[in-house]
Amino acid sequence: SWEDTAGEGAHTQGGQWVVISGQNFGSIAEDAIDSVTYGDDGIEFTACAEGNHSTYMNCTGSGSNETCVLVDPCPCRVVTDHTAINCTTVAGAGYDHTWVVTIEGQESSASTTSYGSPEIHSLEGPGARNASTFGGEAVTITGR
């Protein structure tokens, strides 16, 4: 099972924690997660890539302009021995996504989640009101 911490489906931009509850995930110390994926058939979105468990520094620029960011290619962790995993969603869309957790080569059974519906907060620009029927006027749509 999973817990929707936002209460309205996952945000399409990703970055939200989900709690995956189950059994036989291993201990916190073991860190036995091979991969965590989800999507229509369970593999479209990768929350944790197989074989990527080590954090690394991604640096850009040089000298005094160098900026480094710590990257975690597997932002999924066992948080309660054997029964709970926290993962971060990635950007995406859709509903009834199947989640697949692989622990030491063994795949989980299916559980599903959904992204929230798009929301339009405002329409701006020359084409937002009293637009020409000939078209060609810009409209900026703001939302989430």
C-alpha atoms as a PDB file:
ATOM      1  CA  SER A   1       0.000   0.000   0.000  1.00  0.00           C
ATOM      2  CA  TRP A   2       1.067   3.630  -0.235  1.00  0.00           C
ATOM      3  CA  GLU A   3       0.280   6.858   1.566  1.00  0.00           C
ATOM      4  CA  ASP A   4      -0.653  10.005  -0.365  1.00  0.00           C
ATOM      5  CA  THR A   5       0.935  12.673   1.842  1.00  0.00           C
ATOM      6  CA  ALA A   6      -0.666  15.509  -0.146  1.00  0.00           C
ATOM      7  CA  GLY A   7      -4.180  14.029  -0.012  1.00  0.00           C
ATOM      8  CA  GLU A   8      -4.929  14.927  -3.650  1.00  0.00           C
ATOM      9  CA  GLY A   9      -2.714  12.777  -5.858  1.00  0.00           C
ATOM     10  CA  ALA A  10       0.935  13.448  -6.638  1.00  0.00           C
ATOM     11  CA  HIS A  11       2.018  16.816  -8.038  1.00  0.00           C
ATOM     12  CA  THR A  12       2.988  16.528 -11.710  1.00  0.00           C
ATOM     13  CA  GLN A  13       6.332  18.255 -11.073  1.00  0.00           C
ATOM     14  CA  GLY A  14       7.367  15.422  -8.716  1.00  0.00           C
ATOM     15  CA  GLY A  15       9.437  15.861  -5.585  1.00  0.00           C
ATOM     16  CA  GLN A  16       6.854  14.510  -3.143  1.00  0.00           C
ATOM     17  CA  TRP A  17       7.503  11.791  -0.610  1.00  0.00           C
ATOM     18  CA  VAL A  18       5.431   8.635  -0.764  1.00  0.00           C
ATOM     19  CA  VAL A  19       5.413   5.974   1.915  1.00  0.00           C
ATOM     20  CA  ILE A  20       5.264   2.445   0.543  1.00  0.00           C
ATOM     21  CA  SER A  21       4.069  -0.051   3.141  1.00  0.00           C
ATOM     22  CA  GLY A  22       4.501  -3.775   2.827  1.00  0.00           C
ATOM     23  CA  GLN A  23       6.610  -6.659   4.057  1.00  0.00           C
ATOM     24  CA  ASN A  24      10.081  -8.095   3.523  1.00  0.00           C
ATOM     25  CA  PHE A  25      11.785  -4.832   2.478  1.00  0.00           C
ATOM     26  CA  GLY A  26      14.839  -5.655   4.587  1.00  0.00           C
ATOM     27  CA  SER A  27      16.268  -3.547   7.360  1.00  0.00           C
ATOM     28  CA  ILE A  28      17.321   0.091   7.346  1.00  0.00           C
ATOM     29  CA  ALA A  29      20.942  -1.040   7.738  1.00  0.00           C
ATOM     30  CA  GLU A  30      20.776  -3.505   4.807  1.00  0.00           C
ATOM     31  CA  ASP A  31      19.604  -0.933   2.220  1.00  0.00           C
ATOM     32  CA  ALA A  32      18.565  -3.862   0.014  1.00  0.00           C
ATOM     33  CA  ILE A  33      16.427  -1.841  -2.456  1.00  0.00           C
ATOM     34  CA  ASP A  34      17.411  -2.729  -6.052  1.00  0.00           C
ATOM     35  CA  SER A  35      14.918  -0.419  -7.751  1.00  0.00           C
ATOM     36  CA  VAL A  36      11.574   1.357  -7.375  1.00  0.00           C
ATOM     37  CA  THR A  37       9.577   2.145 -10.515  1.00  0.00           C
ATOM     38  CA  TYR A  38       5.994   3.083 -11.288  1.00  0.00           C
ATOM     39  CA  GLY A  39       3.692   3.909 -14.199  1.00  0.00           C
ATOM     40  CA  ASP A  40       0.996   2.366 -16.387  1.00  0.00           C
ATOM     41  CA  ASP A  41       2.880  -0.930 -16.513  1.00  0.00           C
ATOM     42  CA  GLY A  42       5.127  -0.232 -13.542  1.00  0.00           C
ATOM     43  CA  ILE A  43       8.238   0.978 -15.375  1.00  0.00           C
ATOM     44  CA  GLU A  44       7.576   4.404 -16.977  1.00  0.00           C
ATOM     45  CA  PHE A  45       8.863   6.421 -13.991  1.00  0.00           C
ATOM     46  CA  THR A  46      11.984   5.552 -12.020  1.00  0.00           C
ATOM     47  CA  ALA A  47      12.060   6.637  -8.393  1.00  0.00           C
ATOM     48  CA  CYS A  48      15.204   4.558  -7.790  1.00  0.00           C
ATOM     49  CA  ALA A  49      17.398   3.247 -10.602  1.00  0.00           C
ATOM     50  CA  GLU A  50      18.699  -0.286 -10.309  1.00  0.00           C
ATOM     51  CA  GLY A  51      22.280  -0.452  -9.128  1.00  0.00           C
ATOM     52  CA  ASN A  52      22.474   3.257  -8.195  1.00  0.00           C
ATOM     53  CA  HIS A  53      22.792   3.446  -4.445  1.00  0.00           C
ATOM     54  CA  SER A  54      25.751   5.779  -3.968  1.00  0.00           C
ATOM     55  CA  THR A  55      25.401   9.530  -3.709  1.00  0.00           C
ATOM     56  CA  TYR A  56      27.802  11.657  -5.727  1.00  0.00           C
ATOM     57  CA  MET A  57      28.677  15.309  -6.260  1.00  0.00           C
ATOM     58  CA  ASN A  58      27.623  16.947  -9.544  1.00  0.00           C
ATOM     59  CA  CYS A  59      29.749  20.073 -10.057  1.00  0.00           C
ATOM     60  CA  THR A  60      29.426  22.785 -12.715  1.00  0.00           C
ATOM     61  CA  GLY A  61      31.580  25.821 -13.382  1.00  0.00           C
ATOM     62  CA  SER A  62      35.141  26.238 -12.180  1.00  0.00           C
ATOM     63  CA  GLY A  63      37.178  28.155  -9.629  1.00  0.00           C
ATOM     64  CA  SER A  64      35.130  30.581  -7.547  1.00  0.00           C
ATOM     65  CA  ASN A  65      32.122  29.974  -9.853  1.00  0.00           C
ATOM     66  CA  GLU A  66      32.026  26.228  -9.169  1.00  0.00           C
ATOM     67  CA  THR A  67      28.722  24.978  -7.772  1.00  0.00           C
ATOM     68  CA  CYS A  68      28.321  21.434  -6.476  1.00  0.00           C
ATOM     69  CA  VAL A  69      25.127  19.581  -5.652  1.00  0.00           C
ATOM     70  CA  LEU A  70      24.865  16.253  -3.843  1.00  0.00           C
ATOM     71  CA  VAL A  71      22.912  13.843  -6.085  1.00  0.00           C
ATOM     72  CA  ASP A  72      21.175  10.737  -4.750  1.00  0.00           C
ATOM     73  CA  PRO A  73      20.200   8.491  -7.689  1.00  0.00           C
ATOM     74  CA  CYS A  74      18.101   6.372  -5.327  1.00  0.00           C
ATOM     75  CA  PRO A  75      16.012   8.681  -3.138  1.00  0.00           C
ATOM     76  CA  CYS A  76      14.206   5.649  -1.720  1.00  0.00           C
ATOM     77  CA  ARG A  77      15.049   4.321   1.714  1.00  0.00           C
ATOM     78  CA  VAL A  78      13.738   1.686   4.076  1.00  0.00           C
ATOM     79  CA  VAL A  79      12.526   3.822   6.986  1.00  0.00           C
ATOM     80  CA  THR A  80      10.942   1.125   9.160  1.00  0.00           C
ATOM     81  CA  ASP A  81      12.707  -2.226   9.210  1.00  0.00           C
ATOM     82  CA  HIS A  82      11.057  -4.636   6.760  1.00  0.00           C
ATOM     83  CA  THR A  83       7.729  -2.739   6.415  1.00  0.00           C
ATOM     84  CA  ALA A  84       8.086   0.853   5.089  1.00  0.00           C
ATOM     85  CA  ILE A  85       9.980   2.620   2.301  1.00  0.00           C
ATOM     86  CA  ASN A  86       9.988   6.380   1.600  1.00  0.00           C
ATOM     87  CA  CYS A  87      10.539   7.455  -2.025  1.00  0.00           C
ATOM     88  CA  THR A  88      10.390  10.744  -3.900  1.00  0.00           C
ATOM     89  CA  THR A  89       8.106  11.011  -6.941  1.00  0.00           C
ATOM     90  CA  VAL A  90       9.523  12.186 -10.263  1.00  0.00           C
ATOM     91  CA  ALA A  91       7.836  14.540 -12.752  1.00  0.00           C
ATOM     92  CA  GLY A  92       5.001  12.852 -14.623  1.00  0.00           C
ATOM     93  CA  ALA A  93       1.281  12.543 -15.227  1.00  0.00           C
ATOM     94  CA  GLY A  94      -1.419   9.907 -15.260  1.00  0.00           C
ATOM     95  CA  TYR A  95      -3.414   7.786 -12.867  1.00  0.00           C
ATOM     96  CA  ASP A  96      -3.625   4.244 -11.524  1.00  0.00           C
ATOM     97  CA  HIS A  97       0.160   3.848 -11.724  1.00  0.00           C
ATOM     98  CA  THR A  98       1.459   0.448 -10.676  1.00  0.00           C
ATOM     99  CA  TRP A  99       4.432   0.558  -8.284  1.00  0.00           C
ATOM    100  CA  VAL A 100       7.129  -2.107  -8.469  1.00  0.00           C
ATOM    101  CA  VAL A 101       9.653  -2.452  -5.644  1.00  0.00           C
ATOM    102  CA  THR A 102      12.553  -4.818  -6.271  1.00  0.00           C
ATOM    103  CA  ILE A 103      14.434  -6.043  -3.203  1.00  0.00           C
ATOM    104  CA  GLU A 104      17.470  -8.290  -3.792  1.00  0.00           C
ATOM    105  CA  GLY A 105      16.089  -9.383  -7.180  1.00  0.00           C
ATOM    106  CA  GLN A 106      12.513 -10.051  -6.034  1.00  0.00           C
ATOM    107  CA  GLU A 107       9.705  -7.894  -7.489  1.00  0.00           C
ATOM    108  CA  SER A 108       6.719  -6.792  -5.433  1.00  0.00           C
ATOM    109  CA  SER A 109       3.079  -7.357  -6.234  1.00  0.00           C
ATOM    110  CA  ALA A 110       1.112  -4.415  -7.681  1.00  0.00           C
ATOM    111  CA  SER A 111      -0.151  -1.322  -5.855  1.00  0.00           C
ATOM    112  CA  THR A 112      -1.402   1.811  -7.671  1.00  0.00           C
ATOM    113  CA  THR A 113      -1.230   5.633  -7.310  1.00  0.00           C
ATOM    114  CA  SER A 114      -2.287   8.666  -9.362  1.00  0.00           C
ATOM    115  CA  TYR A 115      -0.959  12.132 -10.148  1.00  0.00           C
ATOM    116  CA  GLY A 116      -3.289  15.021  -9.359  1.00  0.00           C
ATOM    117  CA  SER A 117      -5.342  16.622 -12.128  1.00  0.00           C
ATOM    118  CA  PRO A 118      -3.931  19.762 -13.784  1.00  0.00           C
ATOM    119  CA  GLU A 119      -5.211  23.045 -12.337  1.00  0.00           C
ATOM    120  CA  ILE A 120      -5.544  26.320 -14.253  1.00  0.00           C
ATOM    121  CA  HIS A 121      -5.051  29.318 -11.954  1.00  0.00           C
ATOM    122  CA  SER A 122      -5.067  32.140 -14.498  1.00  0.00           C
ATOM    123  CA  LEU A 123      -5.112  33.082 -18.192  1.00  0.00           C
ATOM    124  CA  GLU A 124      -3.134  36.184 -19.183  1.00  0.00           C
ATOM    125  CA  GLY A 125      -2.122  37.947 -22.371  1.00  0.00           C
ATOM    126  CA  PRO A 126      -3.817  39.559 -25.379  1.00  0.00           C
ATOM    127  CA  GLY A 127      -5.702  36.375 -26.298  1.00  0.00           C
ATOM    128  CA  ALA A 128      -7.016  35.714 -22.796  1.00  0.00           C
ATOM    129  CA  ARG A 129     -10.091  37.987 -23.161  1.00  0.00           C
ATOM    130  CA  ASN A 130     -11.999  39.197 -26.214  1.00  0.00           C
ATOM    131  CA  ALA A 131      -9.575  37.349 -28.482  1.00  0.00           C
ATOM    132  CA  SER A 132      -9.698  37.735 -32.241  1.00  0.00           C
ATOM    133  CA  THR A 133     -11.488  34.925 -34.075  1.00  0.00           C
ATOM    134  CA  PHE A 134      -8.548  34.955 -36.504  1.00  0.00           C
ATOM    135  CA  GLY A 135      -6.223  33.682 -33.754  1.00  0.00           C
ATOM    136  CA  GLY A 136      -2.558  34.541 -33.407  1.00  0.00           C
ATOM    137  CA  GLU A 137      -2.820  36.167 -29.973  1.00  0.00           C
ATOM    138  CA  ALA A 138      -0.666  34.801 -27.141  1.00  0.00           C
ATOM    139  CA  VAL A 139      -2.217  33.306 -24.016  1.00  0.00           C
ATOM    140  CA  THR A 140      -0.181  32.453 -20.920  1.00  0.00           C
ATOM    141  CA  ILE A 141      -1.723  29.697 -18.829  1.00  0.00           C
ATOM    142  CA  THR A 142      -0.557  29.575 -15.212  1.00  0.00           C
ATOM    143  CA  GLY A 143      -1.318  26.669 -12.943  1.00  0.00           C
ATOM    144  CA  ARG A 144       0.014  23.459 -11.571  1.00  0.00           C
END
